[in-house]
């Protein structure tokens, strides 16, 4: 989630992250994390992203040159950034044979995906 401010409207945060601000805290499904009072400004209906990121285990970085914030997905229960290691289905032509290759054909094996772009 890219942001131009550390404070965002609660409705934008909810729509873009799947988390909702409830009286008991920040909630997603059955998981609720208590939020300190300063996290939500009820007058302006905004949320302090830095406080929320720390509480939910979301990585947050700030590009001072461009004054842009980037908020990553919430960490899983073990506090790692990825909540799953399941990759989406990818289907690409094999560079040697031209036949379609499906990533799922390697299910159960460890796979390293390397992507490159010229730009």
PDB file of N, CA and C in Angstrom:
ATOM      1  N   UNK A   1       0.852  -1.158   0.000  1.00  0.00           N
ATOM      2  CA  UNK A   1       0.000   0.000   0.000  1.00  0.00           C
ATOM      3  C   UNK A   1       0.904   1.228   0.000  1.00  0.00           C
ATOM      4  N   UNK A   2       0.794   2.068  -1.018  1.00  0.00           N
ATOM      5  CA  UNK A   2       1.567   3.305  -1.088  1.00  0.00           C
ATOM      6  C   UNK A   2       0.757   4.451  -0.510  1.00  0.00           C
ATOM      7  N   UNK A   3       1.418   5.285   0.268  1.00  0.00           N
ATOM      8  CA  UNK A   3       0.745   6.377   0.968  1.00  0.00           C
ATOM      9  C   UNK A   3       1.536   7.664   0.788  1.00  0.00           C
ATOM     10  N   UNK A   4       0.829   8.788   0.802  1.00  0.00           N
ATOM     11  CA  UNK A   4       1.527  10.063   0.738  1.00  0.00           C
ATOM     12  C   UNK A   4       1.547  10.756   2.091  1.00  0.00           C
ATOM     13  N   UNK A   5       1.061  10.061   3.116  1.00  0.00           N
ATOM     14  CA  UNK A   5       1.033  10.612   4.462  1.00  0.00           C
ATOM     15  C   UNK A   5       1.067   9.467   5.468  1.00  0.00           C
ATOM     16  N   UNK A   6       1.540   9.778   6.652  1.00  0.00           N
ATOM     17  CA  UNK A   6       1.569   8.775   7.721  1.00  0.00           C
ATOM     18  C   UNK A   6       0.178   8.592   8.329  1.00  0.00           C
ATOM     19  N   UNK A   7      -0.695   9.546   8.122  1.00  0.00           N
ATOM     20  CA  UNK A   7      -2.089   9.436   8.581  1.00  0.00           C
ATOM     21  C   UNK A   7      -2.973   9.214   7.370  1.00  0.00           C
ATOM     22  N   UNK A   8      -3.814   8.183   7.433  1.00  0.00           N
ATOM     23  CA  UNK A   8      -4.693   7.860   6.311  1.00  0.00           C
ATOM     24  C   UNK A   8      -6.126   7.747   6.805  1.00  0.00           C
ATOM     25  N   UNK A   9      -7.088   8.026   5.916  1.00  0.00           N
ATOM     26  CA  UNK A   9      -8.480   7.821   6.308  1.00  0.00           C
ATOM     27  C   UNK A   9      -8.724   6.352   6.661  1.00  0.00           C
ATOM     28  N   UNK A  10      -9.453   6.128   7.732  1.00  0.00           N
ATOM     29  CA  UNK A  10      -9.753   4.763   8.176  1.00  0.00           C
ATOM     30  C   UNK A  10     -10.402   3.969   7.048  1.00  0.00           C
ATOM     31  N   UNK A  11     -11.323   4.584   6.312  1.00  0.00           N
ATOM     32  CA  UNK A  11     -12.023   3.871   5.239  1.00  0.00           C
ATOM     33  C   UNK A  11     -11.062   3.411   4.143  1.00  0.00           C
ATOM     34  N   UNK A  12     -10.062   4.231   3.794  1.00  0.00           N
ATOM     35  CA  UNK A  12      -9.059   3.835   2.793  1.00  0.00           C
ATOM     36  C   UNK A  12      -8.224   2.668   3.292  1.00  0.00           C
ATOM     37  N   UNK A  13      -7.780   2.751   4.546  1.00  0.00           N
ATOM     38  CA  UNK A  13      -6.976   1.682   5.128  1.00  0.00           C
ATOM     39  C   UNK A  13      -7.753   0.369   5.120  1.00  0.00           C
ATOM     40  N   UNK A  14      -8.994   0.413   5.525  1.00  0.00           N
ATOM     41  CA  UNK A  14      -9.820  -0.800   5.578  1.00  0.00           C
ATOM     42  C   UNK A  14     -10.025  -1.391   4.187  1.00  0.00           C
ATOM     43  N   UNK A  15     -10.323  -0.545   3.212  1.00  0.00           N
ATOM     44  CA  UNK A  15     -10.577  -1.020   1.850  1.00  0.00           C
ATOM     45  C   UNK A  15      -9.324  -1.617   1.206  1.00  0.00           C
ATOM     46  N   UNK A  16      -8.160  -1.073   1.530  1.00  0.00           N
ATOM     47  CA  UNK A  16      -6.934  -1.494   0.860  1.00  0.00           C
ATOM     48  C   UNK A  16      -6.170  -2.604   1.578  1.00  0.00           C
ATOM     49  N   UNK A  17      -6.489  -2.871   2.859  1.00  0.00           N
ATOM     50  CA  UNK A  17      -5.737  -3.889   3.599  1.00  0.00           C
ATOM     51  C   UNK A  17      -6.573  -5.077   4.053  1.00  0.00           C
ATOM     52  N   UNK A  18      -7.892  -4.919   4.134  1.00  0.00           N
ATOM     53  CA  UNK A  18      -8.718  -6.005   4.650  1.00  0.00           C
ATOM     54  C   UNK A  18      -8.858  -5.987   6.170  1.00  0.00           C
ATOM     55  N   UNK A  19      -8.153  -5.104   6.842  1.00  0.00           N
ATOM     56  CA  UNK A  19      -8.285  -4.934   8.283  1.00  0.00           C
ATOM     57  C   UNK A  19      -9.383  -3.903   8.542  1.00  0.00           C
ATOM     58  N   UNK A  20     -10.068  -4.027   9.665  1.00  0.00           N
ATOM     59  CA  UNK A  20     -11.076  -3.028  10.018  1.00  0.00           C
ATOM     60  C   UNK A  20     -10.817  -2.513  11.427  1.00  0.00           C
ATOM     61  N   UNK A  21     -11.168  -1.260  11.623  1.00  0.00           N
ATOM     62  CA  UNK A  21     -11.004  -0.638  12.936  1.00  0.00           C
ATOM     63  C   UNK A  21     -12.312  -0.824  13.688  1.00  0.00           C
ATOM     64  N   UNK A  22     -12.229  -1.552  14.794  1.00  0.00           N
ATOM     65  CA  UNK A  22     -13.390  -1.862  15.634  1.00  0.00           C
ATOM     66  C   UNK A  22     -13.138  -1.305  17.040  1.00  0.00           C
ATOM     67  N   UNK A  23     -14.172  -1.261  17.885  1.00  0.00           N
ATOM     68  CA  UNK A  23     -13.948  -0.790  19.265  1.00  0.00           C
ATOM     69  C   UNK A  23     -12.885  -1.610  20.008  1.00  0.00           C
ATOM     70  N   UNK A  24     -12.773  -2.910  19.674  1.00  0.00           N
ATOM     71  CA  UNK A  24     -11.780  -3.749  20.360  1.00  0.00           C
ATOM     72  C   UNK A  24     -10.379  -3.638  19.746  1.00  0.00           C
ATOM     73  N   UNK A  25     -10.251  -2.932  18.618  1.00  0.00           N
ATOM     74  CA  UNK A  25      -8.945  -2.731  18.003  1.00  0.00           C
ATOM     75  C   UNK A  25      -8.964  -2.941  16.504  1.00  0.00           C
ATOM     76  N   UNK A  26      -7.833  -3.329  15.972  1.00  0.00           N
ATOM     77  CA  UNK A  26      -7.673  -3.587  14.542  1.00  0.00           C
ATOM     78  C   UNK A  26      -8.000  -5.059  14.298  1.00  0.00           C
ATOM     79  N   UNK A  27      -9.007  -5.334  13.469  1.00  0.00           N
ATOM     80  CA  UNK A  27      -9.485  -6.707  13.320  1.00  0.00           C
ATOM     81  C   UNK A  27      -9.473  -7.174  11.867  1.00  0.00           C
ATOM     82  N   UNK A  28      -9.173  -8.468  11.710  1.00  0.00           N
ATOM     83  CA  UNK A  28      -9.268  -9.145  10.420  1.00  0.00           C
ATOM     84  C   UNK A  28      -9.691 -10.571  10.725  1.00  0.00           C
ATOM     85  N   UNK A  29     -10.898 -10.913  10.309  1.00  0.00           N
ATOM     86  CA  UNK A  29     -11.430 -12.237  10.645  1.00  0.00           C
ATOM     87  C   UNK A  29     -11.569 -12.381  12.156  1.00  0.00           C
ATOM     88  N   UNK A  30     -11.016 -13.476  12.698  1.00  0.00           N
ATOM     89  CA  UNK A  30     -11.088 -13.726  14.137  1.00  0.00           C
ATOM     90  C   UNK A  30      -9.966 -13.065  14.924  1.00  0.00           C
ATOM     91  N   UNK A  31      -9.064 -12.405  14.231  1.00  0.00           N
ATOM     92  CA  UNK A  31      -7.903 -11.794  14.880  1.00  0.00           C
ATOM     93  C   UNK A  31      -8.177 -10.318  15.140  1.00  0.00           C
ATOM     94  N   UNK A  32      -8.013  -9.906  16.391  1.00  0.00           N
ATOM     95  CA  UNK A  32      -8.121  -8.491  16.755  1.00  0.00           C
ATOM     96  C   UNK A  32      -6.901  -8.095  17.565  1.00  0.00           C
ATOM     97  N   UNK A  33      -6.300  -6.979  17.182  1.00  0.00           N
ATOM     98  CA  UNK A  33      -5.137  -6.447  17.878  1.00  0.00           C
ATOM     99  C   UNK A  33      -5.533  -5.153  18.552  1.00  0.00           C
ATOM    100  N   UNK A  34      -5.325  -5.035  19.863  1.00  0.00           N
ATOM    101  CA  UNK A  34      -5.674  -3.778  20.533  1.00  0.00           C
ATOM    102  C   UNK A  34      -4.830  -2.630  19.987  1.00  0.00           C
ATOM    103  N   UNK A  35      -5.449  -1.485  19.846  1.00  0.00           N
ATOM    104  CA  UNK A  35      -4.755  -0.290  19.367  1.00  0.00           C
ATOM    105  C   UNK A  35      -4.715   0.764  20.470  1.00  0.00           C
ATOM    106  N   UNK A  36      -3.597   1.454  20.605  1.00  0.00           N
ATOM    107  CA  UNK A  36      -3.574   2.559  21.574  1.00  0.00           C
ATOM    108  C   UNK A  36      -4.487   3.682  21.101  1.00  0.00           C
ATOM    109  N   UNK A  37      -4.948   4.492  22.032  1.00  0.00           N
ATOM    110  CA  UNK A  37      -5.887   5.575  21.711  1.00  0.00           C
ATOM    111  C   UNK A  37      -5.368   6.521  20.642  1.00  0.00           C
ATOM    112  N   UNK A  38      -4.051   6.771  20.630  1.00  0.00           N
ATOM    113  CA  UNK A  38      -3.501   7.731  19.669  1.00  0.00           C
ATOM    114  C   UNK A  38      -3.460   7.196  18.242  1.00  0.00           C
ATOM    115  N   UNK A  39      -3.749   5.917  18.035  1.00  0.00           N
ATOM    116  CA  UNK A  39      -3.714   5.338  16.684  1.00  0.00           C
ATOM    117  C   UNK A  39      -4.844   5.864  15.813  1.00  0.00           C
ATOM    118  N   UNK A  40      -6.000   6.115  16.413  1.00  0.00           N
ATOM    119  CA  UNK A  40      -7.163   6.558  15.651  1.00  0.00           C
ATOM    120  C   UNK A  40      -7.574   7.949  16.112  1.00  0.00           C
ATOM    121  N   UNK A  41      -7.716   8.852  15.150  1.00  0.00           N
ATOM    122  CA  UNK A  41      -8.222  10.190  15.436  1.00  0.00           C
ATOM    123  C   UNK A  41      -9.686  10.207  15.002  1.00  0.00           C
ATOM    124  N   UNK A  42     -10.581  10.109  15.971  1.00  0.00           N
ATOM    125  CA  UNK A  42     -12.005  10.029  15.651  1.00  0.00           C
ATOM    126  C   UNK A  42     -12.547  11.335  15.069  1.00  0.00           C
ATOM    127  N   UNK A  43     -11.897  12.451  15.344  1.00  0.00           N
ATOM    128  CA  UNK A  43     -12.338  13.741  14.802  1.00  0.00           C
ATOM    129  C   UNK A  43     -12.176  13.785  13.287  1.00  0.00           C
ATOM    130  N   UNK A  44     -11.025  13.303  12.801  1.00  0.00           N
ATOM    131  CA  UNK A  44     -10.746  13.330  11.355  1.00  0.00           C
ATOM    132  C   UNK A  44     -10.951  11.972  10.691  1.00  0.00           C
ATOM    133  N   UNK A  45     -11.299  10.949  11.495  1.00  0.00           N
ATOM    134  CA  UNK A  45     -11.469   9.564  11.008  1.00  0.00           C
ATOM    135  C   UNK A  45     -10.232   9.080  10.260  1.00  0.00           C
ATOM    136  N   UNK A  46      -9.058   9.355  10.882  1.00  0.00           N
ATOM    137  CA  UNK A  46      -7.794   8.924  10.285  1.00  0.00           C
ATOM    138  C   UNK A  46      -7.060   7.987  11.232  1.00  0.00           C
ATOM    139  N   UNK A  47      -6.123   7.272  10.649  1.00  0.00           N
ATOM    140  CA  UNK A  47      -5.366   6.249  11.355  1.00  0.00           C
ATOM    141  C   UNK A  47      -3.879   6.562  11.233  1.00  0.00           C
ATOM    142  N   UNK A  48      -3.130   6.415  12.313  1.00  0.00           N
ATOM    143  CA  UNK A  48      -1.685   6.598  12.292  1.00  0.00           C
ATOM    144  C   UNK A  48      -1.064   5.288  11.814  1.00  0.00           C
ATOM    145  N   UNK A  49      -0.577   5.274  10.589  1.00  0.00           N
ATOM    146  CA  UNK A  49      -0.068   4.055   9.966  1.00  0.00           C
ATOM    147  C   UNK A  49       1.155   3.516  10.709  1.00  0.00           C
ATOM    148  N   UNK A  50       1.986   4.389  11.249  1.00  0.00           N
ATOM    149  CA  UNK A  50       3.179   3.921  11.958  1.00  0.00           C
ATOM    150  C   UNK A  50       2.807   3.108  13.195  1.00  0.00           C
ATOM    151  N   UNK A  51       1.818   3.557  13.940  1.00  0.00           N
ATOM    152  CA  UNK A  51       1.358   2.835  15.129  1.00  0.00           C
ATOM    153  C   UNK A  51       0.744   1.498  14.723  1.00  0.00           C
ATOM    154  N   UNK A  52      -0.092   1.522  13.695  1.00  0.00           N
ATOM    155  CA  UNK A  52      -0.751   0.304  13.224  1.00  0.00           C
ATOM    156  C   UNK A  52       0.268  -0.702  12.691  1.00  0.00           C
ATOM    157  N   UNK A  53       1.242  -0.225  11.935  1.00  0.00           N
ATOM    158  CA  UNK A  53       2.266  -1.108  11.366  1.00  0.00           C
ATOM    159  C   UNK A  53       3.031  -1.828  12.478  1.00  0.00           C
ATOM    160  N   UNK A  54       3.398  -1.108  13.507  1.00  0.00           N
ATOM    161  CA  UNK A  54       4.124  -1.712  14.616  1.00  0.00           C
ATOM    162  C   UNK A  54       3.269  -2.757  15.327  1.00  0.00           C
ATOM    163  N   UNK A  55       2.001  -2.457  15.514  1.00  0.00           N
ATOM    164  CA  UNK A  55       1.102  -3.362  16.240  1.00  0.00           C
ATOM    165  C   UNK A  55       0.787  -4.614  15.426  1.00  0.00           C
ATOM    166  N   UNK A  56       0.607  -4.469  14.105  1.00  0.00           N
ATOM    167  CA  UNK A  56       0.191  -5.592  13.258  1.00  0.00           C
ATOM    168  C   UNK A  56       1.361  -6.319  12.601  1.00  0.00           C
ATOM    169  N   UNK A  57       2.579  -5.850  12.833  1.00  0.00           N
ATOM    170  CA  UNK A  57       3.726  -6.507  12.204  1.00  0.00           C
ATOM    171  C   UNK A  57       3.793  -6.250  10.711  1.00  0.00           C
ATOM    172  N   UNK A  58       3.362  -5.073  10.298  1.00  0.00           N
ATOM    173  CA  UNK A  58       3.418  -4.693   8.883  1.00  0.00           C
ATOM    174  C   UNK A  58       4.691  -3.901   8.634  1.00  0.00           C
ATOM    175  N   UNK A  59       5.491  -4.290   7.636  1.00  0.00           N
ATOM    176  CA  UNK A  59       6.674  -3.478   7.345  1.00  0.00           C
ATOM    177  C   UNK A  59       6.255  -2.108   6.809  1.00  0.00           C
ATOM    178  N   UNK A  60       6.943  -1.077   7.259  1.00  0.00           N
ATOM    179  CA  UNK A  60       6.639   0.286   6.822  1.00  0.00           C
ATOM    180  C   UNK A  60       7.948   0.985   6.508  1.00  0.00           C
ATOM    181  N   UNK A  61       8.045   1.525   5.305  1.00  0.00           N
ATOM    182  CA  UNK A  61       9.239   2.271   4.915  1.00  0.00           C
ATOM    183  C   UNK A  61       8.826   3.633   4.380  1.00  0.00           C
ATOM    184  N   UNK A  62       9.748   4.590   4.542  1.00  0.00           N
ATOM    185  CA  UNK A  62       9.473   5.958   4.113  1.00  0.00           C
ATOM    186  C   UNK A  62      10.580   6.411   3.183  1.00  0.00           C
ATOM    187  N   UNK A  63      10.220   6.871   2.001  1.00  0.00           N
ATOM    188  CA  UNK A  63      11.169   7.465   1.063  1.00  0.00           C
ATOM    189  C   UNK A  63      11.119   8.962   1.304  1.00  0.00           C
ATOM    190  N   UNK A  64      12.109   9.477   2.018  1.00  0.00           N
ATOM    191  CA  UNK A  64      12.113  10.893   2.381  1.00  0.00           C
ATOM    192  C   UNK A  64      12.255  11.801   1.170  1.00  0.00           C
ATOM    193  N   UNK A  65      12.983  11.350   0.150  1.00  0.00           N
ATOM    194  CA  UNK A  65      13.182  12.168  -1.045  1.00  0.00           C
ATOM    195  C   UNK A  65      11.860  12.463  -1.735  1.00  0.00           C
ATOM    196  N   UNK A  66      11.015  11.446  -1.841  1.00  0.00           N
ATOM    197  CA  UNK A  66       9.728  11.604  -2.535  1.00  0.00           C
ATOM    198  C   UNK A  66       8.548  11.751  -1.578  1.00  0.00           C
ATOM    199  N   UNK A  67       8.840  11.662  -0.276  1.00  0.00           N
ATOM    200  CA  UNK A  67       7.819  11.720   0.766  1.00  0.00           C
ATOM    201  C   UNK A  67       6.681  10.730   0.512  1.00  0.00           C
ATOM    202  N   UNK A  68       7.070   9.484   0.296  1.00  0.00           N
ATOM    203  CA  UNK A  68       6.116   8.398   0.059  1.00  0.00           C
ATOM    204  C   UNK A  68       6.345   7.315   1.099  1.00  0.00           C
ATOM    205  N   UNK A  69       5.262   6.772   1.620  1.00  0.00           N
ATOM    206  CA  UNK A  69       5.308   5.658   2.562  1.00  0.00           C
ATOM    207  C   UNK A  69       4.852   4.397   1.843  1.00  0.00           C
ATOM    208  N   UNK A  70       5.447   3.255   2.176  1.00  0.00           N
ATOM    209  CA  UNK A  70       5.009   1.962   1.649  1.00  0.00           C
ATOM    210  C   UNK A  70       4.733   1.047   2.832  1.00  0.00           C
ATOM    211  N   UNK A  71       3.518   0.529   2.878  1.00  0.00           N
ATOM    212  CA  UNK A  71       3.080  -0.364   3.959  1.00  0.00           C
ATOM    213  C   UNK A  71       2.893  -1.753   3.387  1.00  0.00           C
ATOM    214  N   UNK A  72       3.600  -2.718   3.959  1.00  0.00           N
ATOM    215  CA  UNK A  72       3.519  -4.100   3.490  1.00  0.00           C
ATOM    216  C   UNK A  72       2.441  -4.879   4.213  1.00  0.00           C
ATOM    217  N   UNK A  73       2.257  -6.154   3.837  1.00  0.00           N
ATOM    218  CA  UNK A  73       1.219  -6.982   4.459  1.00  0.00           C
ATOM    219  C   UNK A  73       1.567  -7.350   5.894  1.00  0.00           C
ATOM    220  N   UNK A  74       0.545  -7.686   6.666  1.00  0.00           N
ATOM    221  CA  UNK A  74       0.747  -8.065   8.062  1.00  0.00           C
ATOM    222  C   UNK A  74       1.529  -9.362   8.161  1.00  0.00           C
ATOM    223  N   UNK A  75       2.307  -9.471   9.229  1.00  0.00           N
ATOM    224  CA  UNK A  75       3.073 -10.685   9.472  1.00  0.00           C
ATOM    225  C   UNK A  75       2.163 -11.772  10.018  1.00  0.00           C
ATOM    226  N   UNK A  76       2.576 -13.008   9.812  1.00  0.00           N
ATOM    227  CA  UNK A  76       1.850 -14.140  10.374  1.00  0.00           C
ATOM    228  C   UNK A  76       2.103 -14.251  11.870  1.00  0.00           C
ATOM    229  N   UNK A  77       1.538 -15.263  12.515  1.00  0.00           N
ATOM    230  CA  UNK A  77       1.681 -15.410  13.960  1.00  0.00           C
ATOM    231  C   UNK A  77       3.131 -15.579  14.420  1.00  0.00           C
ATOM    232  N   UNK A  78       3.999 -16.100  13.548  1.00  0.00           N
ATOM    233  CA  UNK A  78       5.403 -16.271  13.927  1.00  0.00           C
ATOM    234  C   UNK A  78       6.215 -15.009  13.634  1.00  0.00           C
ATOM    235  N   UNK A  79       5.545 -13.915  13.256  1.00  0.00           N
ATOM    236  CA  UNK A  79       6.124 -12.601  13.000  1.00  0.00           C
ATOM    237  C   UNK A  79       6.974 -12.548  11.741  1.00  0.00           C
ATOM    238  N   UNK A  80       6.781 -13.487  10.832  1.00  0.00           N
ATOM    239  CA  UNK A  80       7.468 -13.421   9.549  1.00  0.00           C
ATOM    240  C   UNK A  80       6.554 -12.672   8.588  1.00  0.00           C
ATOM    241  N   UNK A  81       7.144 -12.053   7.580  1.00  0.00           N
ATOM    242  CA  UNK A  81       6.371 -11.224   6.667  1.00  0.00           C
ATOM    243  C   UNK A  81       5.396 -12.022   5.821  1.00  0.00           C
ATOM    244  N   UNK A  82       5.757 -13.246   5.443  1.00  0.00           N
ATOM    245  CA  UNK A  82       4.871 -14.050   4.611  1.00  0.00           C
ATOM    246  C   UNK A  82       3.927 -14.868   5.476  1.00  0.00           C
ATOM    247  N   UNK A  83       2.658 -14.849   5.152  1.00  0.00           N
ATOM    248  CA  UNK A  83       1.708 -15.679   5.882  1.00  0.00           C
ATOM    249  C   UNK A  83       1.559 -17.035   5.232  1.00  0.00           C
ATOM    250  N   UNK A  84       2.026 -17.176   3.996  1.00  0.00           N
ATOM    251  CA  UNK A  84       2.009 -18.463   3.306  1.00  0.00           C
ATOM    252  C   UNK A  84       3.165 -18.514   2.320  1.00  0.00           C
ATOM    253  N   UNK A  85       3.636 -19.703   2.046  1.00  0.00           N
ATOM    254  CA  UNK A  85       4.710 -19.874   1.068  1.00  0.00           C
ATOM    255  C   UNK A  85       4.167 -20.482  -0.218  1.00  0.00           C
ATOM    256  N   UNK A  86       2.857 -20.476  -0.367  1.00  0.00           N
ATOM    257  CA  UNK A  86       2.243 -21.048  -1.562  1.00  0.00           C
ATOM    258  C   UNK A  86       2.256 -20.015  -2.682  1.00  0.00           C
ATOM    259  N   UNK A  87       2.889 -20.385  -3.778  1.00  0.00           N
ATOM    260  CA  UNK A  87       2.974 -19.487  -4.936  1.00  0.00           C
ATOM    261  C   UNK A  87       1.731 -19.626  -5.803  1.00  0.00           C
ATOM    262  N   UNK A  88       1.352 -18.569  -6.501  1.00  0.00           N
ATOM    263  CA  UNK A  88       0.237 -18.687  -7.435  1.00  0.00           C
ATOM    264  C   UNK A  88       0.644 -19.544  -8.624  1.00  0.00           C
ATOM    265  N   UNK A  89      -0.326 -20.060  -9.341  1.00  0.00           N
ATOM    266  CA  UNK A  89      -0.026 -20.872 -10.522  1.00  0.00           C
ATOM    267  C   UNK A  89       0.610 -19.988 -11.592  1.00  0.00           C
ATOM    268  N   UNK A  90       1.744 -20.439 -12.089  1.00  0.00           N
ATOM    269  CA  UNK A  90       2.420 -19.762 -13.187  1.00  0.00           C
ATOM    270  C   UNK A  90       2.537 -20.753 -14.332  1.00  0.00           C
ATOM    271  N   UNK A  91       2.260 -20.278 -15.524  1.00  0.00           N
ATOM    272  CA  UNK A  91       2.392 -21.135 -16.707  1.00  0.00           C
ATOM    273  C   UNK A  91       3.099 -20.334 -17.788  1.00  0.00           C
ATOM    274  N   UNK A  92       4.275 -20.830 -18.183  1.00  0.00           N
ATOM    275  CA  UNK A  92       5.108 -20.135 -19.158  1.00  0.00           C
ATOM    276  C   UNK A  92       5.659 -21.139 -20.158  1.00  0.00           C
ATOM    277  N   UNK A  93       6.024 -20.671 -21.358  1.00  0.00           N
ATOM    278  CA  UNK A  93       6.627 -21.593 -22.321  1.00  0.00           C
ATOM    279  C   UNK A  93       8.057 -21.951 -21.910  1.00  0.00           C
ATOM    280  N   UNK A  94       8.396 -23.226 -22.049  1.00  0.00           N
ATOM    281  CA  UNK A  94       9.756 -23.700 -21.798  1.00  0.00           C
ATOM    282  C   UNK A  94      10.666 -23.117 -22.877  1.00  0.00           C
ATOM    283  N   UNK A  95      11.800 -22.520 -22.489  1.00  0.00           N
ATOM    284  CA  UNK A  95      12.661 -21.847 -23.479  1.00  0.00           C
ATOM    285  C   UNK A  95      13.345 -22.840 -24.424  1.00  0.00           C
ATOM    286  N   UNK A  96      13.434 -24.103 -24.031  1.00  0.00           N
ATOM    287  CA  UNK A  96      14.077 -25.094 -24.894  1.00  0.00           C
ATOM    288  C   UNK A  96      13.089 -25.744 -25.848  1.00  0.00           C
ATOM    289  N   UNK A  97      11.907 -26.129 -25.322  1.00  0.00           N
ATOM    290  CA  UNK A  97      10.962 -26.899 -26.137  1.00  0.00           C
ATOM    291  C   UNK A  97       9.791 -26.085 -26.635  1.00  0.00           C
ATOM    292  N   UNK A  98       9.508 -24.961 -25.979  1.00  0.00           N
ATOM    293  CA  UNK A  98       8.351 -24.154 -26.349  1.00  0.00           C
ATOM    294  C   UNK A  98       7.045 -24.669 -25.753  1.00  0.00           C
ATOM    295  N   UNK A  99       7.079 -25.844 -25.109  1.00  0.00           N
ATOM    296  CA  UNK A  99       5.873 -26.393 -24.482  1.00  0.00           C
ATOM    297  C   UNK A  99       5.568 -25.632 -23.193  1.00  0.00           C
ATOM    298  N   UNK A 100       4.279 -25.618 -22.835  1.00  0.00           N
ATOM    299  CA  UNK A 100       3.872 -24.915 -21.617  1.00  0.00           C
ATOM    300  C   UNK A 100       4.374 -25.658 -20.383  1.00  0.00           C
ATOM    301  N   UNK A 101       4.921 -24.899 -19.445  1.00  0.00           N
ATOM    302  CA  UNK A 101       5.414 -25.446 -18.188  1.00  0.00           C
ATOM    303  C   UNK A 101       4.621 -24.825 -17.056  1.00  0.00           C
ATOM    304  N   UNK A 102       4.108 -25.660 -16.151  1.00  0.00           N
ATOM    305  CA  UNK A 102       3.336 -25.174 -15.004  1.00  0.00           C
ATOM    306  C   UNK A 102       4.171 -25.279 -13.738  1.00  0.00           C
ATOM    307  N   UNK A 103       4.190 -24.206 -12.985  1.00  0.00           N
ATOM    308  CA  UNK A 103       4.910 -24.203 -11.722  1.00  0.00           C
ATOM    309  C   UNK A 103       4.375 -25.294 -10.791  1.00  0.00           C
ATOM    310  N   UNK A 104       3.095 -25.562 -10.843  1.00  0.00           N
ATOM    311  CA  UNK A 104       2.496 -26.563  -9.958  1.00  0.00           C
ATOM    312  C   UNK A 104       3.067 -27.963 -10.193  1.00  0.00           C
ATOM    313  N   UNK A 105       3.725 -28.189 -11.335  1.00  0.00           N
ATOM    314  CA  UNK A 105       4.332 -29.506 -11.577  1.00  0.00           C
ATOM    315  C   UNK A 105       5.495 -29.761 -10.628  1.00  0.00           C
ATOM    316  N   UNK A 106       5.955 -28.729  -9.936  1.00  0.00           N
ATOM    317  CA  UNK A 106       7.050 -28.862  -8.981  1.00  0.00           C
ATOM    318  C   UNK A 106       6.552 -28.888  -7.534  1.00  0.00           C
ATOM    319  N   UNK A 107       5.244 -29.069  -7.355  1.00  0.00           N
ATOM    320  CA  UNK A 107       4.663 -29.042  -6.013  1.00  0.00           C
ATOM    321  C   UNK A 107       5.377 -30.034  -5.104  1.00  0.00           C
ATOM    322  N   UNK A 108       5.682 -29.569  -3.892  1.00  0.00           N
ATOM    323  CA  UNK A 108       6.363 -30.402  -2.919  1.00  0.00           C
ATOM    324  C   UNK A 108       7.872 -30.227  -2.941  1.00  0.00           C
ATOM    325  N   UNK A 109       8.376 -29.528  -3.926  1.00  0.00           N
ATOM    326  CA  UNK A 109       9.808 -29.283  -4.029  1.00  0.00           C
ATOM    327  C   UNK A 109      10.088 -27.816  -3.697  1.00  0.00           C
ATOM    328  N   UNK A 110      11.281 -27.554  -3.236  1.00  0.00           N
ATOM    329  CA  UNK A 110      11.677 -26.162  -3.026  1.00  0.00           C
ATOM    330  C   UNK A 110      12.033 -25.582  -4.379  1.00  0.00           C
ATOM    331  N   UNK A 111      11.563 -24.357  -4.632  1.00  0.00           N
ATOM    332  CA  UNK A 111      11.746 -23.724  -5.936  1.00  0.00           C
ATOM    333  C   UNK A 111      12.259 -22.302  -5.731  1.00  0.00           C
ATOM    334  N   UNK A 112      13.222 -21.921  -6.527  1.00  0.00           N
ATOM    335  CA  UNK A 112      13.706 -20.547  -6.537  1.00  0.00           C
ATOM    336  C   UNK A 112      13.250 -19.920  -7.836  1.00  0.00           C
ATOM    337  N   UNK A 113      12.498 -18.831  -7.731  1.00  0.00           N
ATOM    338  CA  UNK A 113      12.048 -18.099  -8.906  1.00  0.00           C
ATOM    339  C   UNK A 113      12.936 -16.883  -9.071  1.00  0.00           C
ATOM    340  N   UNK A 114      13.481 -16.726 -10.246  1.00  0.00           N
ATOM    341  CA  UNK A 114      14.337 -15.597 -10.547  1.00  0.00           C
ATOM    342  C   UNK A 114      13.680 -14.794 -11.665  1.00  0.00           C
ATOM    343  N   UNK A 115      13.440 -13.539 -11.401  1.00  0.00           N
ATOM    344  CA  UNK A 115      12.814 -12.667 -12.411  1.00  0.00           C
ATOM    345  C   UNK A 115      13.776 -11.556 -12.762  1.00  0.00           C
ATOM    346  N   UNK A 116      13.738 -11.131 -13.989  1.00  0.00           N
ATOM    347  CA  UNK A 116      14.624 -10.082 -14.458  1.00  0.00           C
ATOM    348  C   UNK A 116      13.866  -9.199 -15.433  1.00  0.00           C
ATOM    349  N   UNK A 117      14.131  -7.931 -15.366  1.00  0.00           N
ATOM    350  CA  UNK A 117      13.537  -6.990 -16.303  1.00  0.00           C
ATOM    351  C   UNK A 117      14.605  -5.986 -16.724  1.00  0.00           C
ATOM    352  N   UNK A 118      14.527  -5.521 -17.928  1.00  0.00           N
ATOM    353  CA  UNK A 118      15.561  -4.620 -18.446  1.00  0.00           C
ATOM    354  C   UNK A 118      15.354  -3.164 -18.052  1.00  0.00           C
ATOM    355  N   UNK A 119      14.214  -2.838 -17.470  1.00  0.00           N
ATOM    356  CA  UNK A 119      13.994  -1.441 -17.130  1.00  0.00           C
ATOM    357  C   UNK A 119      14.426  -1.161 -15.757  1.00  0.00           C
TER     358      UNK A 119
END
